[in-house]
Amino acid sequence: MTKGGPEHHAATIKHFAIGLLIWEIIIIVLFGVFVRIQNNTDASLNADRYPAYQDVNVMMLIGFGYLMAFSKTTSWSAFSYTFFMNALMPQLYILINGFWKRVLIDGFNSNNYYIYIN
């Protein structure tokens, strides 16, 4: 198997897919163990949060994806990696933000180690 040949490319894709599958299994297990969803009865709070999330999401997609899409050599890979990161980062943000909020603000003193999402 030569480096840069079709066999190397197929092996690289296979390793990437296996790594991504392991990553998602870890995220799902962490969500199942630590994350609890609280139903929010205040509809105005939900109406205020969603447009902010949508605006940031659009800025990431257009800003990073289309900025690099005009490069002749990396156009498709930059665009696809932008969508890929945009799919993974919100999952990771929920876990990391909730963890550091518990450590820095709440002091991690209680026996309740759940991350609550409103």
Protein backbone atom coordinates (compact mmCIF):
# COMPACT_ATOMS: atom_id res chain seq x y z
CA MET A 1 0.00 0.00 0.00
CA THR A 2 1.63 3.20 -1.17
CA LYS A 3 1.02 6.48 0.55
CA GLY A 4 -1.29 8.60 -1.55
CA GLY A 5 -2.70 5.69 -3.51
CA PRO A 6 -6.34 4.58 -3.64
CA GLU A 7 -5.80 1.99 -0.90
CA HIS A 8 -4.39 4.64 1.44
CA HIS A 9 -7.35 6.91 0.70
CA ALA A 10 -9.84 4.13 1.46
CA ALA A 11 -8.04 3.28 4.71
CA THR A 12 -8.02 6.94 5.74
CA ILE A 13 -11.76 7.24 5.16
CA LYS A 14 -12.36 4.04 7.11
CA HIS A 15 -10.31 5.28 10.08
CA PHE A 16 -12.10 8.62 10.00
CA ALA A 17 -15.52 6.92 9.98
CA ILE A 18 -14.58 4.64 12.88
CA GLY A 19 -13.22 7.60 14.86
CA LEU A 20 -16.37 9.61 14.20
CA LEU A 21 -18.56 6.70 15.27
CA ILE A 22 -16.60 6.33 18.52
CA TRP A 23 -16.82 10.10 19.11
CA GLU A 24 -20.61 10.11 18.66
CA ILE A 25 -21.03 7.09 20.96
CA ILE A 26 -19.04 8.92 23.65
CA ILE A 27 -21.18 12.06 23.20
CA ILE A 28 -24.40 10.03 23.40
CA VAL A 29 -23.26 8.27 26.58
CA LEU A 30 -22.22 11.59 28.17
CA PHE A 31 -25.58 13.12 27.25
CA GLY A 32 -27.42 10.12 28.70
CA VAL A 33 -25.49 10.25 31.96
CA PHE A 34 -25.21 13.98 32.61
CA VAL A 35 -27.79 15.98 30.65
CA ARG A 36 -31.36 16.50 31.83
CA ILE A 37 -33.87 18.61 29.93
CA GLN A 38 -36.15 20.94 31.85
CA ASN A 39 -39.32 22.03 30.11
CA ASN A 40 -39.45 25.79 29.97
CA THR A 41 -42.95 27.21 30.33
CA ASP A 42 -41.91 30.73 29.37
CA ALA A 43 -42.47 30.84 25.60
CA SER A 44 -40.96 34.31 25.29
CA LEU A 45 -37.61 33.01 26.58
CA ASN A 46 -37.59 30.31 23.91
CA ALA A 47 -38.56 32.85 21.27
CA ASP A 48 -35.60 35.02 22.32
CA ARG A 49 -33.00 32.25 22.32
CA TYR A 50 -33.73 30.55 19.01
CA PRO A 51 -33.03 33.56 16.73
CA ALA A 52 -29.70 34.10 18.48
CA TYR A 53 -28.72 30.47 17.87
CA GLN A 54 -29.90 30.68 14.28
CA ASP A 55 -27.88 33.85 13.66
CA VAL A 56 -24.68 32.32 15.03
CA ASN A 57 -25.28 29.17 13.00
CA VAL A 58 -25.70 31.13 9.79
CA MET A 59 -22.60 33.20 10.55
CA MET A 60 -20.56 30.04 10.95
CA LEU A 61 -21.84 28.46 7.76
CA ILE A 62 -21.56 31.50 5.55
CA GLY A 63 -18.53 33.05 7.18
CA PHE A 64 -16.23 30.05 7.26
CA GLY A 65 -17.69 27.86 4.55
CA TYR A 66 -18.14 30.40 1.80
CA LEU A 67 -14.99 32.29 2.69
CA MET A 68 -12.86 29.25 1.93
CA ALA A 69 -15.10 28.05 -0.91
CA PHE A 70 -13.50 30.56 -3.23
CA SER A 71 -10.08 29.03 -2.83
CA LYS A 72 -9.43 26.91 -5.89
CA THR A 73 -7.62 24.07 -4.14
CA THR A 74 -9.65 23.66 -0.93
CA SER A 75 -13.15 24.70 -1.93
CA TRP A 76 -15.08 21.47 -1.34
CA SER A 77 -13.09 20.30 1.65
CA ALA A 78 -13.40 23.66 3.42
CA PHE A 79 -17.12 23.77 2.82
CA SER A 80 -17.68 20.19 3.99
CA TYR A 81 -15.48 20.59 7.08
CA THR A 82 -17.46 23.70 8.00
CA PHE A 83 -20.71 21.74 7.92
CA PHE A 84 -19.05 18.90 9.81
CA MET A 85 -17.82 21.17 12.60
CA ASN A 86 -21.17 22.92 12.69
CA ALA A 87 -22.80 19.55 13.40
CA LEU A 88 -20.37 18.51 16.16
CA MET A 89 -19.68 21.70 18.08
CA PRO A 90 -23.20 22.37 19.48
CA GLN A 91 -23.18 18.89 21.04
CA LEU A 92 -19.80 19.49 22.62
CA TYR A 93 -20.72 23.02 23.71
CA ILE A 94 -23.68 21.79 25.76
CA LEU A 95 -21.44 19.42 27.69
CA ILE A 96 -18.47 21.76 28.16
CA ASN A 97 -20.54 24.83 29.04
CA GLY A 98 -22.62 22.90 31.54
CA PHE A 99 -19.52 21.35 33.13
CA TRP A 100 -17.67 24.64 33.58
CA LYS A 101 -20.81 26.35 34.85
CA ARG A 102 -21.10 23.65 37.50
CA VAL A 103 -17.42 23.93 38.44
CA LEU A 104 -16.98 27.70 38.43
CA ILE A 105 -20.40 29.06 39.42
CA ASP A 106 -22.11 26.33 41.42
CA GLY A 107 -18.93 25.09 43.05
CA PHE A 108 -19.61 21.43 42.24
CA ASN A 109 -20.75 21.00 45.86
CA SER A 110 -24.02 19.14 45.41
CA ASN A 111 -24.48 15.46 44.76
CA ASN A 112 -26.45 16.33 41.65
CA TYR A 113 -24.05 16.16 38.69
CA TYR A 114 -26.62 16.79 35.99
CA ILE A 115 -26.43 19.50 33.35
CA TYR A 116 -29.86 21.08 32.99
CA ILE A 117 -31.00 22.46 29.66
CA ASN A 118 -33.93 24.88 29.64
